Amino acid sequence: MYFNWLFWFLRAFLFRIFSLNRIKFKYFGRPISILGIKNFSTGSDVGVYPGARIEIISGQLSIGEGTRIGHNFFCETSGGRIIIGKNVTISANCFIGATDYNWSTERQSKFKQKGKINRDVTIGDNVFIGFGSCILPGSIIEDNAVIGANLVVSKNEKISGVYTGKKKL
């Protein structure tokens, strides 16, 4: 028991030193993978539960204070910005991405030749995102919105209110 406590203390201490105090987790579950930590910032009191994978190839990820992120969260940006507001709850198994690909090119071309399109993703304050939801590039979720389980929020949609499926309640 003592060894477990010591491990968590040292882990949090070293993480605080190497993140240069830009990332202020209240809870930091293991395992978690963060690629591109220099473009990642959080407010205070942020909780990230085990299994999270955050890939910031280029671009930026900003998480507001009081936000909770569930198990197996995946976030990816290769140039766009992802801004998550204050007091947001993101349930388990959710995806947020700011990178899309140019599908208008020739179908025979290789996947790597299609070219990336970066679109910002904005999630307002006091938002709840249900289990298994997918937030695609270019999405804007306004303050106080509720996104139902397994909902796909696609580009250029402004979401406010309560959504389950494609129906606003």
N, C-alpha and C. Protein backbone atom coordinates (compact mmCIF):
# COMPACT_ATOMS: atom_id res chain seq x y z
N MET A 1 0.82 -1.19 0.00
CA MET A 1 0.00 0.00 0.00
C MET A 1 0.87 1.26 0.00
N TYR A 2 1.91 1.26 0.84
CA TYR A 2 2.81 2.40 0.92
C TYR A 2 3.54 2.60 -0.41
N PHE A 3 3.97 1.51 -1.03
CA PHE A 3 4.67 1.59 -2.31
C PHE A 3 3.77 2.21 -3.38
N ASN A 4 2.50 1.81 -3.40
CA ASN A 4 1.54 2.36 -4.36
C ASN A 4 1.40 3.87 -4.19
N TRP A 5 1.27 4.33 -2.97
CA TRP A 5 1.13 5.75 -2.71
C TRP A 5 2.38 6.50 -3.15
N LEU A 6 3.55 5.94 -2.83
CA LEU A 6 4.81 6.56 -3.20
C LEU A 6 4.95 6.64 -4.72
N PHE A 7 4.57 5.57 -5.42
CA PHE A 7 4.62 5.57 -6.88
C PHE A 7 3.77 6.69 -7.47
N TRP A 8 2.54 6.83 -7.00
CA TRP A 8 1.64 7.86 -7.52
C TRP A 8 2.16 9.26 -7.19
N PHE A 9 2.71 9.43 -6.01
CA PHE A 9 3.26 10.73 -5.63
C PHE A 9 4.42 11.11 -6.54
N LEU A 10 5.39 10.19 -6.72
CA LEU A 10 6.53 10.47 -7.59
C LEU A 10 6.11 10.71 -9.03
N ARG A 11 5.17 9.94 -9.50
CA ARG A 11 4.67 10.12 -10.87
C ARG A 11 4.07 11.51 -11.06
N ALA A 12 3.23 11.92 -10.11
CA ALA A 12 2.61 13.25 -10.20
C ALA A 12 3.65 14.35 -10.09
N PHE A 13 4.62 14.17 -9.21
CA PHE A 13 5.68 15.16 -9.02
C PHE A 13 6.51 15.32 -10.29
N LEU A 14 6.96 14.22 -10.86
CA LEU A 14 7.76 14.28 -12.09
C LEU A 14 6.96 14.84 -13.26
N PHE A 15 5.69 14.45 -13.36
CA PHE A 15 4.85 14.98 -14.43
C PHE A 15 4.73 16.49 -14.30
N ARG A 16 4.55 16.98 -13.08
CA ARG A 16 4.41 18.42 -12.84
C ARG A 16 5.68 19.15 -13.25
N ILE A 17 6.84 18.57 -12.97
CA ILE A 17 8.10 19.20 -13.33
C ILE A 17 8.26 19.26 -14.85
N PHE A 18 8.01 18.14 -15.53
CA PHE A 18 8.25 18.08 -16.97
C PHE A 18 7.17 18.77 -17.79
N SER A 19 5.99 18.99 -17.23
CA SER A 19 4.94 19.69 -17.98
C SER A 19 5.03 21.19 -17.78
N LEU A 20 5.99 21.63 -16.99
CA LEU A 20 6.22 23.05 -16.74
C LEU A 20 4.98 23.75 -16.21
N ASN A 21 4.18 23.05 -15.42
CA ASN A 21 2.98 23.58 -14.78
C ASN A 21 1.91 24.06 -15.77
N ARG A 22 1.99 23.67 -17.03
CA ARG A 22 0.94 24.01 -17.98
C ARG A 22 -0.23 23.06 -17.86
N ILE A 23 0.01 21.88 -17.32
CA ILE A 23 -1.03 20.87 -17.22
C ILE A 23 -1.29 20.62 -15.74
N LYS A 24 -2.53 20.86 -15.31
CA LYS A 24 -2.88 20.78 -13.90
C LYS A 24 -3.96 19.74 -13.68
N PHE A 25 -3.58 18.48 -13.64
CA PHE A 25 -4.53 17.40 -13.45
C PHE A 25 -4.89 17.25 -11.98
N LYS A 26 -6.16 17.02 -11.71
CA LYS A 26 -6.55 16.61 -10.37
C LYS A 26 -6.45 15.09 -10.28
N TYR A 27 -6.89 14.42 -11.34
CA TYR A 27 -6.76 12.97 -11.43
C TYR A 27 -6.14 12.63 -12.77
N PHE A 28 -5.17 11.74 -12.75
CA PHE A 28 -4.41 11.39 -13.95
C PHE A 28 -4.27 9.88 -13.96
N GLY A 29 -5.21 9.19 -14.64
CA GLY A 29 -5.22 7.73 -14.64
C GLY A 29 -4.16 7.13 -15.52
N ARG A 30 -3.75 5.94 -15.18
CA ARG A 30 -2.76 5.27 -16.00
C ARG A 30 -3.41 4.07 -16.68
N PRO A 31 -3.04 3.58 -17.80
CA PRO A 31 -2.05 4.22 -18.65
C PRO A 31 -2.68 5.36 -19.45
N ILE A 32 -1.90 6.34 -19.75
CA ILE A 32 -2.35 7.45 -20.59
C ILE A 32 -1.19 7.78 -21.52
N SER A 33 -1.51 8.14 -22.75
CA SER A 33 -0.49 8.44 -23.74
C SER A 33 -0.73 9.84 -24.29
N ILE A 34 0.27 10.70 -24.16
CA ILE A 34 0.18 12.05 -24.69
C ILE A 34 1.35 12.27 -25.63
N LEU A 35 1.04 12.50 -26.90
CA LEU A 35 2.05 12.80 -27.90
C LEU A 35 1.90 14.28 -28.26
N GLY A 36 2.95 15.06 -28.13
CA GLY A 36 2.89 16.48 -28.43
C GLY A 36 2.51 17.31 -27.21
N ILE A 37 3.10 16.98 -26.07
CA ILE A 37 2.71 17.62 -24.82
C ILE A 37 2.98 19.13 -24.81
N LYS A 38 3.89 19.62 -25.64
CA LYS A 38 4.19 21.05 -25.65
C LYS A 38 3.02 21.88 -26.19
N ASN A 39 2.09 21.25 -26.93
CA ASN A 39 0.93 21.95 -27.47
C ASN A 39 -0.34 21.62 -26.70
N PHE A 40 -0.19 21.19 -25.45
CA PHE A 40 -1.30 20.72 -24.64
C PHE A 40 -1.36 21.55 -23.36
N SER A 41 -2.51 22.15 -23.07
CA SER A 41 -2.64 22.92 -21.84
C SER A 41 -3.99 22.63 -21.19
N THR A 42 -4.04 22.74 -19.86
CA THR A 42 -5.27 22.50 -19.13
C THR A 42 -5.44 23.56 -18.06
N GLY A 43 -6.71 23.74 -17.66
CA GLY A 43 -6.99 24.54 -16.48
C GLY A 43 -6.81 23.66 -15.26
N SER A 44 -7.16 24.19 -14.10
CA SER A 44 -7.02 23.42 -12.87
C SER A 44 -8.17 22.42 -12.73
N ASP A 45 -7.96 21.45 -11.88
CA ASP A 45 -9.00 20.49 -11.52
C ASP A 45 -9.51 19.65 -12.69
N VAL A 46 -8.61 19.23 -13.57
CA VAL A 46 -8.97 18.41 -14.73
C VAL A 46 -8.71 16.94 -14.38
N GLY A 47 -9.67 16.07 -14.70
CA GLY A 47 -9.52 14.65 -14.46
C GLY A 47 -9.52 13.87 -15.75
N VAL A 48 -8.48 13.06 -15.96
CA VAL A 48 -8.38 12.21 -17.15
C VAL A 48 -8.25 10.77 -16.65
N TYR A 49 -9.20 9.93 -17.02
CA TYR A 49 -9.25 8.57 -16.52
C TYR A 49 -8.44 7.62 -17.39
N PRO A 50 -8.16 6.42 -16.93
CA PRO A 50 -7.24 5.50 -17.61
C PRO A 50 -7.61 5.20 -19.06
N GLY A 51 -6.57 4.98 -19.85
CA GLY A 51 -6.74 4.57 -21.23
C GLY A 51 -6.82 5.71 -22.22
N ALA A 52 -6.66 6.95 -21.77
CA ALA A 52 -6.74 8.09 -22.69
C ALA A 52 -5.53 8.11 -23.63
N ARG A 53 -5.79 8.52 -24.86
CA ARG A 53 -4.72 8.67 -25.84
C ARG A 53 -4.90 10.01 -26.52
N ILE A 54 -3.91 10.87 -26.39
CA ILE A 54 -3.98 12.22 -26.93
C ILE A 54 -2.81 12.39 -27.89
N GLU A 55 -3.11 12.66 -29.17
CA GLU A 55 -2.07 12.83 -30.19
C GLU A 55 -2.18 14.23 -30.76
N ILE A 56 -1.15 15.04 -30.51
CA ILE A 56 -1.10 16.39 -31.05
C ILE A 56 0.14 16.45 -31.93
N ILE A 57 -0.01 16.12 -33.20
CA ILE A 57 1.12 16.11 -34.12
C ILE A 57 1.57 17.55 -34.35
N SER A 58 0.65 18.40 -34.66
CA SER A 58 0.82 19.85 -34.66
C SER A 58 -0.57 20.38 -34.34
N GLY A 59 -0.70 21.63 -34.08
CA GLY A 59 -1.99 22.14 -33.64
C GLY A 59 -1.97 22.34 -32.14
N GLN A 60 -3.15 22.39 -31.53
CA GLN A 60 -3.23 22.71 -30.12
C GLN A 60 -4.44 22.05 -29.49
N LEU A 61 -4.28 21.62 -28.23
CA LEU A 61 -5.39 21.10 -27.43
C LEU A 61 -5.42 21.88 -26.13
N SER A 62 -6.58 22.46 -25.82
CA SER A 62 -6.75 23.22 -24.60
C SER A 62 -7.98 22.68 -23.87
N ILE A 63 -7.82 22.33 -22.59
CA ILE A 63 -8.91 21.78 -21.79
C ILE A 63 -9.16 22.72 -20.62
N GLY A 64 -10.41 23.18 -20.47
CA GLY A 64 -10.77 24.13 -19.43
C GLY A 64 -10.85 23.49 -18.06
N GLU A 65 -10.88 24.33 -17.03
CA GLU A 65 -10.88 23.84 -15.65
C GLU A 65 -12.14 23.06 -15.32
N GLY A 66 -11.99 22.11 -14.43
CA GLY A 66 -13.11 21.31 -13.96
C GLY A 66 -13.61 20.26 -14.92
N THR A 67 -12.90 20.01 -16.00
CA THR A 67 -13.33 19.05 -17.01
C THR A 67 -12.96 17.63 -16.59
N ARG A 68 -13.85 16.68 -16.88
CA ARG A 68 -13.61 15.27 -16.61
C ARG A 68 -13.68 14.50 -17.92
N ILE A 69 -12.70 13.65 -18.16
CA ILE A 69 -12.61 12.88 -19.39
C ILE A 69 -12.59 11.40 -19.01
N GLY A 70 -13.52 10.62 -19.57
CA GLY A 70 -13.70 9.22 -19.23
C GLY A 70 -12.67 8.28 -19.82
N HIS A 71 -12.82 7.02 -19.49
CA HIS A 71 -11.92 5.96 -19.93
C HIS A 71 -11.87 5.85 -21.45
N ASN A 72 -10.71 5.48 -21.96
CA ASN A 72 -10.49 5.19 -23.39
C ASN A 72 -10.83 6.35 -24.31
N PHE A 73 -10.60 7.55 -23.88
CA PHE A 73 -10.79 8.75 -24.68
C PHE A 73 -9.68 8.82 -25.72
N PHE A 74 -10.02 9.22 -26.96
CA PHE A 74 -9.01 9.39 -28.00
C PHE A 74 -9.20 10.76 -28.63
N CYS A 75 -8.12 11.52 -28.69
CA CYS A 75 -8.15 12.87 -29.24
C CYS A 75 -6.97 13.01 -30.20
N GLU A 76 -7.22 13.56 -31.39
CA GLU A 76 -6.17 13.64 -32.41
C GLU A 76 -6.28 14.96 -33.16
N THR A 77 -5.14 15.63 -33.33
CA THR A 77 -5.08 16.79 -34.20
C THR A 77 -3.72 16.83 -34.89
N SER A 78 -3.75 17.12 -36.19
CA SER A 78 -2.52 17.25 -36.96
C SER A 78 -2.41 18.65 -37.54
N GLY A 79 -2.96 19.63 -36.84
CA GLY A 79 -2.85 21.01 -37.31
C GLY A 79 -3.98 21.89 -36.83
N GLY A 80 -5.14 21.33 -36.57
CA GLY A 80 -6.26 22.13 -36.08
C GLY A 80 -6.19 22.32 -34.58
N ARG A 81 -7.07 23.19 -34.09
CA ARG A 81 -7.14 23.43 -32.65
C ARG A 81 -8.37 22.73 -32.09
N ILE A 82 -8.22 22.15 -30.91
CA ILE A 82 -9.34 21.58 -30.18
C ILE A 82 -9.42 22.34 -28.86
N ILE A 83 -10.54 23.00 -28.66
CA ILE A 83 -10.74 23.79 -27.45
C ILE A 83 -11.93 23.19 -26.70
N ILE A 84 -11.67 22.70 -25.50
CA ILE A 84 -12.69 22.11 -24.64
C ILE A 84 -12.89 23.08 -23.48
N GLY A 85 -14.13 23.52 -23.28
CA GLY A 85 -14.45 24.54 -22.29
C GLY A 85 -14.35 24.05 -20.85
N LYS A 86 -14.88 24.88 -19.95
CA LYS A 86 -14.86 24.61 -18.52
C LYS A 86 -16.00 23.67 -18.12
N ASN A 87 -15.74 22.84 -17.12
CA ASN A 87 -16.75 21.95 -16.53
C ASN A 87 -17.44 21.05 -17.55
N VAL A 88 -16.68 20.53 -18.48
CA VAL A 88 -17.19 19.61 -19.51
C VAL A 88 -17.03 18.18 -19.00
N THR A 89 -18.01 17.35 -19.26
CA THR A 89 -17.91 15.92 -18.94
C THR A 89 -17.91 15.15 -20.25
N ILE A 90 -16.85 14.41 -20.50
CA ILE A 90 -16.74 13.57 -21.69
C ILE A 90 -16.75 12.13 -21.21
N SER A 91 -17.78 11.40 -21.57
CA SER A 91 -17.93 10.01 -21.11
C SER A 91 -16.89 9.10 -21.77
N ALA A 92 -16.91 7.85 -21.38
CA ALA A 92 -15.93 6.87 -21.87
C ALA A 92 -16.09 6.60 -23.37
N ASN A 93 -14.99 6.17 -23.98
CA ASN A 93 -14.94 5.72 -25.37
C ASN A 93 -15.32 6.79 -26.38
N CYS A 94 -15.00 8.03 -26.11
CA CYS A 94 -15.31 9.13 -27.04
C CYS A 94 -14.09 9.48 -27.88
N PHE A 95 -14.35 10.05 -29.06
CA PHE A 95 -13.30 10.50 -29.97
C PHE A 95 -13.55 11.95 -30.32
N ILE A 96 -12.47 12.74 -30.33
CA ILE A 96 -12.52 14.12 -30.83
C ILE A 96 -11.36 14.27 -31.79
N GLY A 97 -11.64 14.70 -33.01
CA GLY A 97 -10.59 14.87 -34.00
C GLY A 97 -10.70 16.18 -34.74
N ALA A 98 -9.55 16.77 -35.10
CA ALA A 98 -9.53 18.03 -35.83
C ALA A 98 -8.88 17.87 -37.19
N THR A 99 -8.63 16.64 -37.62
CA THR A 99 -7.98 16.40 -38.90
C THR A 99 -8.88 15.55 -39.79
N ASP A 100 -9.06 16.01 -41.01
CA ASP A 100 -9.84 15.29 -42.01
C ASP A 100 -8.94 15.10 -43.23
N TYR A 101 -9.41 14.37 -44.20
CA TYR A 101 -8.62 14.14 -45.40
C TYR A 101 -9.41 14.57 -46.63
N ASN A 102 -8.70 14.95 -47.67
CA ASN A 102 -9.31 15.39 -48.91
C ASN A 102 -9.73 14.18 -49.73
N TRP A 103 -11.01 13.85 -49.66
CA TRP A 103 -11.52 12.67 -50.36
C TRP A 103 -11.90 12.97 -51.80
N SER A 104 -11.79 14.24 -52.22
CA SER A 104 -12.16 14.58 -53.59
C SER A 104 -11.07 14.22 -54.59
N THR A 105 -9.90 13.84 -54.10
CA THR A 105 -8.83 13.46 -55.02
C THR A 105 -9.15 12.11 -55.66
N GLU A 106 -8.37 11.75 -56.62
CA GLU A 106 -8.58 10.51 -57.37
C GLU A 106 -8.68 9.30 -56.44
N ARG A 107 -9.64 8.46 -56.69
CA ARG A 107 -9.88 7.29 -55.82
C ARG A 107 -8.72 6.31 -55.82
N GLN A 108 -7.97 6.27 -56.89
CA GLN A 108 -6.88 5.31 -56.99
C GLN A 108 -5.64 5.76 -56.22
N SER A 109 -5.60 7.03 -55.78
CA SER A 109 -4.41 7.52 -55.09
C SER A 109 -4.27 6.88 -53.72
N LYS A 110 -3.06 6.83 -53.24
CA LYS A 110 -2.78 6.24 -51.95
C LYS A 110 -3.31 7.15 -50.84
N PHE A 111 -3.62 6.56 -49.71
CA PHE A 111 -4.20 7.30 -48.60
C PHE A 111 -3.31 8.46 -48.16
N LYS A 112 -2.00 8.25 -48.09
CA LYS A 112 -1.08 9.29 -47.65
C LYS A 112 -1.00 10.46 -48.62
N GLN A 113 -1.43 10.25 -49.87
CA GLN A 113 -1.36 11.31 -50.88
C GLN A 113 -2.61 12.18 -50.90
N LYS A 114 -3.59 11.88 -50.11
CA LYS A 114 -4.86 12.59 -50.16
C LYS A 114 -4.80 13.99 -49.58
N GLY A 115 -3.89 14.29 -48.73
CA GLY A 115 -3.77 15.63 -48.17
C GLY A 115 -4.70 15.85 -46.98
N LYS A 116 -4.17 16.45 -45.94
CA LYS A 116 -4.94 16.68 -44.72
C LYS A 116 -5.66 18.02 -44.78
N ILE A 117 -6.82 18.05 -44.16
CA ILE A 117 -7.59 19.28 -43.99
C ILE A 117 -7.80 19.45 -42.49
N ASN A 118 -7.33 20.56 -41.96
CA ASN A 118 -7.46 20.80 -40.52
C ASN A 118 -8.62 21.75 -40.26
N ARG A 119 -9.50 21.34 -39.35
CA ARG A 119 -10.64 22.16 -38.96
C ARG A 119 -10.69 22.19 -37.43
N ASP A 120 -10.89 23.36 -36.88
CA ASP A 120 -10.95 23.51 -35.43
C ASP A 120 -12.21 22.88 -34.86
N VAL A 121 -12.11 22.39 -33.64
CA VAL A 121 -13.24 21.85 -32.89
C VAL A 121 -13.38 22.68 -31.63
N THR A 122 -14.59 23.16 -31.37
CA THR A 122 -14.84 23.96 -30.17
C THR A 122 -15.97 23.33 -29.37
N ILE A 123 -15.70 23.10 -28.10
CA ILE A 123 -16.71 22.57 -27.18
C ILE A 123 -16.87 23.61 -26.07
N GLY A 124 -18.07 24.12 -25.90
CA GLY A 124 -18.33 25.18 -24.93
C GLY A 124 -18.27 24.71 -23.49
N ASP A 125 -18.69 25.59 -22.59
CA ASP A 125 -18.69 25.31 -21.16
C ASP A 125 -19.91 24.50 -20.76
N ASN A 126 -19.77 23.71 -19.69
CA ASN A 126 -20.87 22.94 -19.09
C ASN A 126 -21.54 21.99 -20.08
N VAL A 127 -20.76 21.33 -20.90
CA VAL A 127 -21.27 20.41 -21.92
C VAL A 127 -21.12 18.98 -21.40
N PHE A 128 -22.09 18.13 -21.71
CA PHE A 128 -22.00 16.70 -21.41
C PHE A 128 -21.98 15.95 -22.73
N ILE A 129 -20.97 15.10 -22.92
CA ILE A 129 -20.85 14.30 -24.14
C ILE A 129 -21.00 12.84 -23.73
N GLY A 130 -22.02 12.18 -24.28
CA GLY A 130 -22.37 10.82 -23.89
C GLY A 130 -21.39 9.76 -24.37
N PHE A 131 -21.54 8.58 -23.80
CA PHE A 131 -20.70 7.42 -24.06
C PHE A 131 -20.58 7.13 -25.56
N GLY A 132 -19.36 6.96 -26.04
CA GLY A 132 -19.12 6.53 -27.41
C GLY A 132 -19.34 7.58 -28.48
N SER A 133 -19.49 8.83 -28.11
CA SER A 133 -19.73 9.88 -29.10
C SER A 133 -18.47 10.20 -29.89
N CYS A 134 -18.68 10.70 -31.10
CA CYS A 134 -17.59 11.03 -32.01
C CYS A 134 -17.77 12.47 -32.46
N ILE A 135 -16.80 13.33 -32.13
CA ILE A 135 -16.85 14.74 -32.51
C ILE A 135 -15.86 14.92 -33.65
N LEU A 136 -16.37 15.19 -34.84
CA LEU A 136 -15.55 15.26 -36.04
C LEU A 136 -15.04 16.68 -36.30
N PRO A 137 -14.03 16.83 -37.18
CA PRO A 137 -13.44 18.13 -37.45
C PRO A 137 -14.46 19.17 -37.88
N GLY A 138 -14.30 20.41 -37.38
CA GLY A 138 -15.17 21.52 -37.73
C GLY A 138 -16.40 21.65 -36.87
N SER A 139 -16.58 20.79 -35.89
CA SER A 139 -17.77 20.82 -35.05
C SER A 139 -17.69 21.94 -34.02
N ILE A 140 -18.83 22.54 -33.74
CA ILE A 140 -18.95 23.55 -32.69
C ILE A 140 -20.10 23.13 -31.79
N ILE A 141 -19.78 22.88 -30.53
CA ILE A 141 -20.79 22.52 -29.55
C ILE A 141 -20.89 23.69 -28.58
N GLU A 142 -22.04 24.32 -28.52
CA GLU A 142 -22.22 25.52 -27.72
C GLU A 142 -22.40 25.20 -26.24
N ASP A 143 -22.35 26.23 -25.41
CA ASP A 143 -22.47 26.09 -23.96
C ASP A 143 -23.74 25.34 -23.57
N ASN A 144 -23.64 24.55 -22.49
CA ASN A 144 -24.77 23.86 -21.86
C ASN A 144 -25.44 22.81 -22.74
N ALA A 145 -24.76 22.31 -23.75
CA ALA A 145 -25.33 21.28 -24.62
C ALA A 145 -25.16 19.90 -24.00
N VAL A 146 -26.06 19.00 -24.36
CA VAL A 146 -25.98 17.60 -23.95
C VAL A 146 -25.98 16.76 -25.22
N ILE A 147 -24.93 15.96 -25.40
CA ILE A 147 -24.79 15.11 -26.57
C ILE A 147 -25.06 13.68 -26.13
N GLY A 148 -26.04 13.03 -26.74
CA GLY A 148 -26.42 11.68 -26.36
C GLY A 148 -25.36 10.65 -26.70
N ALA A 149 -25.55 9.46 -26.17
CA ALA A 149 -24.60 8.36 -26.38
C ALA A 149 -24.52 7.99 -27.86
N ASN A 150 -23.32 7.67 -28.31
CA ASN A 150 -23.03 7.20 -29.67
C ASN A 150 -23.42 8.19 -30.76
N LEU A 151 -23.49 9.45 -30.45
CA LEU A 151 -23.84 10.46 -31.44
C LEU A 151 -22.59 10.86 -32.23
N VAL A 152 -22.74 11.04 -33.53
CA VAL A 152 -21.67 11.55 -34.37
C VAL A 152 -21.99 13.01 -34.68
N VAL A 153 -21.14 13.91 -34.22
CA VAL A 153 -21.30 15.34 -34.50
C VAL A 153 -20.37 15.64 -35.66
N SER A 154 -20.95 16.01 -36.80
CA SER A 154 -20.12 16.21 -37.99
C SER A 154 -19.80 17.67 -38.19
N LYS A 155 -18.92 17.91 -39.14
CA LYS A 155 -18.42 19.25 -39.41
C LYS A 155 -19.54 20.25 -39.71
N ASN A 156 -19.25 21.47 -39.40
CA ASN A 156 -20.13 22.61 -39.67
C ASN A 156 -21.49 22.51 -38.99
N GLU A 157 -21.60 21.75 -37.92
CA GLU A 157 -22.83 21.71 -37.14
C GLU A 157 -22.62 22.53 -35.88
N LYS A 158 -23.55 23.42 -35.59
CA LYS A 158 -23.54 24.13 -34.32
C LYS A 158 -24.59 23.46 -33.46
N ILE A 159 -24.15 22.90 -32.37
CA ILE A 159 -25.04 22.14 -31.50
C ILE A 159 -25.31 22.94 -30.22
N SER A 160 -26.58 23.08 -29.89
CA SER A 160 -26.97 23.62 -28.59
C SER A 160 -28.21 22.87 -28.15
N GLY A 161 -28.44 22.76 -26.87
CA GLY A 161 -29.59 22.01 -26.38
C GLY A 161 -29.24 20.56 -26.12
N VAL A 162 -30.25 19.71 -26.13
CA VAL A 162 -30.09 18.28 -25.86
C VAL A 162 -30.28 17.52 -27.16
N TYR A 163 -29.31 16.67 -27.53
CA TYR A 163 -29.37 15.90 -28.76
C TYR A 163 -29.21 14.41 -28.47
N THR A 164 -30.10 13.61 -29.04
CA THR A 164 -29.95 12.16 -29.04
C THR A 164 -30.21 11.71 -30.46
N GLY A 165 -29.31 10.99 -31.04
CA GLY A 165 -29.44 10.66 -32.47
C GLY A 165 -29.29 11.94 -33.27
N LYS A 166 -30.16 12.16 -34.21
CA LYS A 166 -30.13 13.40 -35.00
C LYS A 166 -31.33 14.27 -34.63
N LYS A 167 -31.91 14.03 -33.47
CA LYS A 167 -33.12 14.72 -33.08
C LYS A 167 -32.84 15.62 -31.87
N LYS A 168 -33.25 16.88 -31.96
CA LYS A 168 -33.10 17.79 -30.84
C LYS A 168 -34.32 17.65 -29.93
N LEU A 169 -34.08 17.50 -28.62
CA LEU A 169 -35.18 17.37 -27.66
C LEU A 169 -35.49 18.71 -27.03
